[in-house]
């Protein structure tokens, strides 16, 4: 009896390790199959749980709000946000695939809730993660290298004037 229980536990551990390897390699290779599955799991499971604390002071995630391209509804998604002066950075582990990202680029603007404050943002642009890596924690940097997170989204505060533009 004990041997069969240990055999079952061993098989489950091997299957679990294989599953993690497939997910890690699929993320690193940007496999559409793996990315699609992970985005679905995040959207229908992890995001709902994360939204309970997202945007509050000290929370891991903030919230990005953007109008849906098709539905026209305002959609909220938890994301990891790093403030950098008048800009905000969001690492893109799934690349350019997530719908929220497509919505932000289509609208050209969004709203961020970060550390309990709400910011209107615009001028979305993709930037190489390597060019802004110093702003992320050492743990995040290692994870980004391991999973090949090559791009970040940069958003600028809408209420901050660019240098050289006249104030109204």
C-alpha atoms as a PDB file:
ATOM      1  CA  UNK A   1       0.000   0.000   0.000  1.00  0.00           C
ATOM      2  CA  UNK A   2       2.764   2.424   0.967  1.00  0.00           C
ATOM      3  CA  UNK A   3       4.728   1.610  -2.177  1.00  0.00           C
ATOM      4  CA  UNK A   4       1.779   2.347  -4.456  1.00  0.00           C
ATOM      5  CA  UNK A   5       1.109   5.621  -2.628  1.00  0.00           C
ATOM      6  CA  UNK A   6       4.756   6.619  -3.041  1.00  0.00           C
ATOM      7  CA  UNK A   7       4.620   5.629  -6.714  1.00  0.00           C
ATOM      8  CA  UNK A   8       1.539   7.829  -7.242  1.00  0.00           C
ATOM      9  CA  UNK A   9       3.195  10.766  -5.442  1.00  0.00           C
ATOM     10  CA  UNK A  10       6.340  10.266  -7.546  1.00  0.00           C
ATOM     11  CA  UNK A  11       4.362  10.264 -10.790  1.00  0.00           C
ATOM     12  CA  UNK A  12       2.492  13.405  -9.732  1.00  0.00           C
ATOM     13  CA  UNK A  13       5.768  15.163  -8.894  1.00  0.00           C
ATOM     14  CA  UNK A  14       7.273  14.222 -12.255  1.00  0.00           C
ATOM     15  CA  UNK A  15       4.142  15.393 -14.086  1.00  0.00           C
ATOM     16  CA  UNK A  16       4.135  18.653 -12.110  1.00  0.00           C
ATOM     17  CA  UNK A  17       7.806  19.294 -12.893  1.00  0.00           C
ATOM     18  CA  UNK A  18       7.195  18.513 -16.566  1.00  0.00           C
ATOM     19  CA  UNK A  19       4.233  20.896 -16.588  1.00  0.00           C
ATOM     20  CA  UNK A  20       6.307  23.711 -15.096  1.00  0.00           C
ATOM     21  CA  UNK A  21       9.062  23.032 -17.635  1.00  0.00           C
ATOM     22  CA  UNK A  22       6.588  23.192 -20.537  1.00  0.00           C
ATOM     23  CA  UNK A  23       5.111  26.442 -19.233  1.00  0.00           C
ATOM     24  CA  UNK A  24       8.538  28.005 -18.659  1.00  0.00           C
ATOM     25  CA  UNK A  25       9.868  26.943 -22.044  1.00  0.00           C
ATOM     26  CA  UNK A  26       6.635  27.956 -23.759  1.00  0.00           C
ATOM     27  CA  UNK A  27       6.772  31.404 -22.187  1.00  0.00           C
ATOM     28  CA  UNK A  28      10.418  31.787 -23.099  1.00  0.00           C
ATOM     29  CA  UNK A  29       9.768  30.713 -26.693  1.00  0.00           C
ATOM     30  CA  UNK A  30       6.590  32.866 -26.839  1.00  0.00           C
ATOM     31  CA  UNK A  31       4.585  29.846 -27.980  1.00  0.00           C
ATOM     32  CA  UNK A  32       1.087  30.982 -29.032  1.00  0.00           C
ATOM     33  CA  UNK A  33      -0.423  27.822 -27.534  1.00  0.00           C
ATOM     34  CA  UNK A  34       1.213  28.291 -24.129  1.00  0.00           C
ATOM     35  CA  UNK A  35       0.675  32.073 -24.101  1.00  0.00           C
ATOM     36  CA  UNK A  36      -2.987  31.673 -25.035  1.00  0.00           C
ATOM     37  CA  UNK A  37      -3.532  29.147 -22.249  1.00  0.00           C
ATOM     38  CA  UNK A  38      -1.686  31.272 -19.671  1.00  0.00           C
ATOM     39  CA  UNK A  39      -3.582  34.421 -20.654  1.00  0.00           C
ATOM     40  CA  UNK A  40      -6.861  32.525 -20.306  1.00  0.00           C
ATOM     41  CA  UNK A  41      -5.881  31.185 -16.850  1.00  0.00           C
ATOM     42  CA  UNK A  42      -4.750  34.649 -15.753  1.00  0.00           C
ATOM     43  CA  UNK A  43      -7.932  36.313 -17.023  1.00  0.00           C
ATOM     44  CA  UNK A  44     -10.356  33.804 -15.540  1.00  0.00           C
ATOM     45  CA  UNK A  45      -8.545  32.901 -12.344  1.00  0.00           C
ATOM     46  CA  UNK A  46      -5.568  34.862 -11.117  1.00  0.00           C
ATOM     47  CA  UNK A  47      -6.735  38.336 -12.202  1.00  0.00           C
ATOM     48  CA  UNK A  48     -10.003  38.084 -10.283  1.00  0.00           C
ATOM     49  CA  UNK A  49      -8.120  37.254  -7.107  1.00  0.00           C
ATOM     50  CA  UNK A  50      -5.479  39.938  -7.718  1.00  0.00           C
ATOM     51  CA  UNK A  51      -8.156  42.629  -8.218  1.00  0.00           C
ATOM     52  CA  UNK A  52      -9.085  42.400  -4.529  1.00  0.00           C
ATOM     53  CA  UNK A  53      -5.964  44.378  -3.545  1.00  0.00           C
ATOM     54  CA  UNK A  54      -4.641  45.758  -6.840  1.00  0.00           C
ATOM     55  CA  UNK A  55      -3.967  49.487  -6.817  1.00  0.00           C
ATOM     56  CA  UNK A  56      -3.895  49.821  -3.041  1.00  0.00           C
ATOM     57  CA  UNK A  57      -0.776  51.058  -1.213  1.00  0.00           C
ATOM     58  CA  UNK A  58       1.783  48.261  -0.886  1.00  0.00           C
ATOM     59  CA  UNK A  59       0.003  45.886  -3.304  1.00  0.00           C
ATOM     60  CA  UNK A  60       2.093  43.979  -5.831  1.00  0.00           C
ATOM     61  CA  UNK A  61      -0.174  44.960  -8.726  1.00  0.00           C
ATOM     62  CA  UNK A  62      -1.821  48.136  -9.887  1.00  0.00           C
ATOM     63  CA  UNK A  63      -4.806  48.436 -12.201  1.00  0.00           C
ATOM     64  CA  UNK A  64      -4.918  49.582 -15.800  1.00  0.00           C
ATOM     65  CA  UNK A  65      -8.280  50.725 -17.127  1.00  0.00           C
ATOM     66  CA  UNK A  66      -8.817  50.964 -20.865  1.00  0.00           C
ATOM     67  CA  UNK A  67     -11.863  51.100 -23.118  1.00  0.00           C
ATOM     68  CA  UNK A  68     -12.491  47.904 -25.064  1.00  0.00           C
ATOM     69  CA  UNK A  69     -11.983  48.237 -28.820  1.00  0.00           C
ATOM     70  CA  UNK A  70     -15.009  46.124 -29.646  1.00  0.00           C
ATOM     71  CA  UNK A  71     -17.286  46.330 -26.600  1.00  0.00           C
ATOM     72  CA  UNK A  72     -16.656  49.984 -25.740  1.00  0.00           C
ATOM     73  CA  UNK A  73     -16.746  48.997 -22.059  1.00  0.00           C
ATOM     74  CA  UNK A  74     -14.129  50.139 -19.571  1.00  0.00           C
ATOM     75  CA  UNK A  75     -12.022  47.070 -18.716  1.00  0.00           C
ATOM     76  CA  UNK A  76      -9.816  46.757 -15.619  1.00  0.00           C
ATOM     77  CA  UNK A  77      -6.777  44.486 -15.523  1.00  0.00           C
ATOM     78  CA  UNK A  78      -4.209  43.997 -12.740  1.00  0.00           C
ATOM     79  CA  UNK A  79      -0.647  44.714 -13.897  1.00  0.00           C
ATOM     80  CA  UNK A  80       2.747  45.237 -12.282  1.00  0.00           C
ATOM     81  CA  UNK A  81       3.500  48.973 -12.433  1.00  0.00           C
ATOM     82  CA  UNK A  82       6.810  50.747 -11.869  1.00  0.00           C
ATOM     83  CA  UNK A  83       6.797  54.550 -11.559  1.00  0.00           C
ATOM     84  CA  UNK A  84       9.609  56.421 -13.320  1.00  0.00           C
ATOM     85  CA  UNK A  85       9.215  60.184 -12.921  1.00  0.00           C
ATOM     86  CA  UNK A  86       6.244  61.245 -15.058  1.00  0.00           C
ATOM     87  CA  UNK A  87       6.097  57.815 -16.697  1.00  0.00           C
ATOM     88  CA  UNK A  88       4.958  54.349 -15.699  1.00  0.00           C
ATOM     89  CA  UNK A  89       6.371  51.043 -16.900  1.00  0.00           C
ATOM     90  CA  UNK A  90       4.581  47.724 -17.214  1.00  0.00           C
ATOM     91  CA  UNK A  91       6.571  44.596 -18.098  1.00  0.00           C
ATOM     92  CA  UNK A  92       4.949  42.470 -20.809  1.00  0.00           C
ATOM     93  CA  UNK A  93       5.653  38.777 -20.094  1.00  0.00           C
ATOM     94  CA  UNK A  94       3.028  37.738 -22.686  1.00  0.00           C
ATOM     95  CA  UNK A  95       4.410  40.098 -25.342  1.00  0.00           C
ATOM     96  CA  UNK A  96       1.948  42.148 -27.429  1.00  0.00           C
ATOM     97  CA  UNK A  97      -0.874  39.552 -27.202  1.00  0.00           C
ATOM     98  CA  UNK A  98      -3.063  40.666 -24.251  1.00  0.00           C
ATOM     99  CA  UNK A  99      -6.305  42.395 -25.173  1.00  0.00           C
ATOM    100  CA  UNK A 100      -5.793  45.117 -22.556  1.00  0.00           C
ATOM    101  CA  UNK A 101      -2.555  46.128 -24.296  1.00  0.00           C
ATOM    102  CA  UNK A 102      -4.235  46.254 -27.699  1.00  0.00           C
ATOM    103  CA  UNK A 103      -7.004  48.377 -26.169  1.00  0.00           C
ATOM    104  CA  UNK A 104      -4.487  50.854 -24.707  1.00  0.00           C
ATOM    105  CA  UNK A 105      -2.743  51.294 -28.071  1.00  0.00           C
ATOM    106  CA  UNK A 106      -6.063  51.646 -29.905  1.00  0.00           C
ATOM    107  CA  UNK A 107      -7.323  54.320 -27.499  1.00  0.00           C
ATOM    108  CA  UNK A 108      -3.955  56.021 -27.041  1.00  0.00           C
ATOM    109  CA  UNK A 109      -4.799  56.525 -23.383  1.00  0.00           C
ATOM    110  CA  UNK A 110      -5.728  54.714 -20.191  1.00  0.00           C
ATOM    111  CA  UNK A 111      -6.083  55.169 -16.460  1.00  0.00           C
ATOM    112  CA  UNK A 112      -3.705  53.646 -13.910  1.00  0.00           C
ATOM    113  CA  UNK A 113      -4.406  53.016 -10.242  1.00  0.00           C
ATOM    114  CA  UNK A 114      -1.058  52.730  -8.481  1.00  0.00           C
ATOM    115  CA  UNK A 115      -0.310  52.868  -4.755  1.00  0.00           C
ATOM    116  CA  UNK A 116      -3.781  54.255  -4.019  1.00  0.00           C
ATOM    117  CA  UNK A 117      -3.618  57.119  -6.556  1.00  0.00           C
ATOM    118  CA  UNK A 118      -5.311  57.331  -9.954  1.00  0.00           C
ATOM    119  CA  UNK A 119      -3.465  58.704 -12.996  1.00  0.00           C
ATOM    120  CA  UNK A 120      -4.627  59.556 -16.498  1.00  0.00           C
ATOM    121  CA  UNK A 121      -1.930  58.290 -18.875  1.00  0.00           C
ATOM    122  CA  UNK A 122      -1.342  58.507 -22.600  1.00  0.00           C
ATOM    123  CA  UNK A 123       1.370  58.198 -25.276  1.00  0.00           C
ATOM    124  CA  UNK A 124       1.755  54.418 -25.000  1.00  0.00           C
ATOM    125  CA  UNK A 125       5.013  53.079 -26.400  1.00  0.00           C
ATOM    126  CA  UNK A 126       6.867  49.792 -26.333  1.00  0.00           C
ATOM    127  CA  UNK A 127      10.400  50.015 -24.940  1.00  0.00           C
ATOM    128  CA  UNK A 128      13.035  47.287 -24.648  1.00  0.00           C
ATOM    129  CA  UNK A 129      13.124  45.816 -21.148  1.00  0.00           C
ATOM    130  CA  UNK A 130      16.922  46.029 -21.221  1.00  0.00           C
ATOM    131  CA  UNK A 131      16.746  49.840 -21.475  1.00  0.00           C
ATOM    132  CA  UNK A 132      14.680  50.168 -18.269  1.00  0.00           C
ATOM    133  CA  UNK A 133      15.763  47.036 -16.356  1.00  0.00           C
ATOM    134  CA  UNK A 134      17.566  49.094 -13.681  1.00  0.00           C
ATOM    135  CA  UNK A 135      14.172  50.334 -12.436  1.00  0.00           C
ATOM    136  CA  UNK A 136      12.937  46.821 -11.632  1.00  0.00           C
ATOM    137  CA  UNK A 137      13.949  44.747  -8.610  1.00  0.00           C
ATOM    138  CA  UNK A 138      16.793  42.246  -8.939  1.00  0.00           C
ATOM    139  CA  UNK A 139      14.269  39.408  -8.617  1.00  0.00           C
ATOM    140  CA  UNK A 140      12.139  40.840 -11.436  1.00  0.00           C
ATOM    141  CA  UNK A 141      15.227  41.308 -13.608  1.00  0.00           C
ATOM    142  CA  UNK A 142      16.221  37.645 -13.156  1.00  0.00           C
ATOM    143  CA  UNK A 143      12.682  36.528 -13.947  1.00  0.00           C
ATOM    144  CA  UNK A 144      12.573  38.743 -17.049  1.00  0.00           C
ATOM    145  CA  UNK A 145      15.846  37.255 -18.311  1.00  0.00           C
ATOM    146  CA  UNK A 146      14.693  33.702 -17.587  1.00  0.00           C
ATOM    147  CA  UNK A 147      11.334  34.169 -19.353  1.00  0.00           C
ATOM    148  CA  UNK A 148      12.681  36.470 -22.085  1.00  0.00           C
ATOM    149  CA  UNK A 149      10.478  39.430 -21.214  1.00  0.00           C
ATOM    150  CA  UNK A 150      11.830  41.627 -23.994  1.00  0.00           C
ATOM    151  CA  UNK A 151       9.366  44.536 -23.922  1.00  0.00           C
ATOM    152  CA  UNK A 152       7.747  46.956 -21.505  1.00  0.00           C
ATOM    153  CA  UNK A 153       4.897  49.379 -22.005  1.00  0.00           C
ATOM    154  CA  UNK A 154       5.717  52.987 -21.134  1.00  0.00           C
ATOM    155  CA  UNK A 155       2.830  55.332 -20.406  1.00  0.00           C
ATOM    156  CA  UNK A 156       3.211  59.049 -19.605  1.00  0.00           C
ATOM    157  CA  UNK A 157       1.078  61.021 -17.198  1.00  0.00           C
ATOM    158  CA  UNK A 158      -1.431  62.942 -19.291  1.00  0.00           C
ATOM    159  CA  UNK A 159      -1.377  65.991 -17.016  1.00  0.00           C
ATOM    160  CA  UNK A 160       2.407  66.533 -17.297  1.00  0.00           C
ATOM    161  CA  UNK A 161       3.658  68.799 -20.108  1.00  0.00           C
ATOM    162  CA  UNK A 162       6.551  67.639 -22.275  1.00  0.00           C
ATOM    163  CA  UNK A 163       9.684  69.767 -22.002  1.00  0.00           C
ATOM    164  CA  UNK A 164       9.660  72.481 -24.632  1.00  0.00           C
ATOM    165  CA  UNK A 165       5.860  72.669 -24.994  1.00  0.00           C
ATOM    166  CA  UNK A 166       4.074  75.798 -23.961  1.00  0.00           C
ATOM    167  CA  UNK A 167       1.697  75.642 -21.019  1.00  0.00           C
ATOM    168  CA  UNK A 168      -1.874  76.630 -21.851  1.00  0.00           C
END
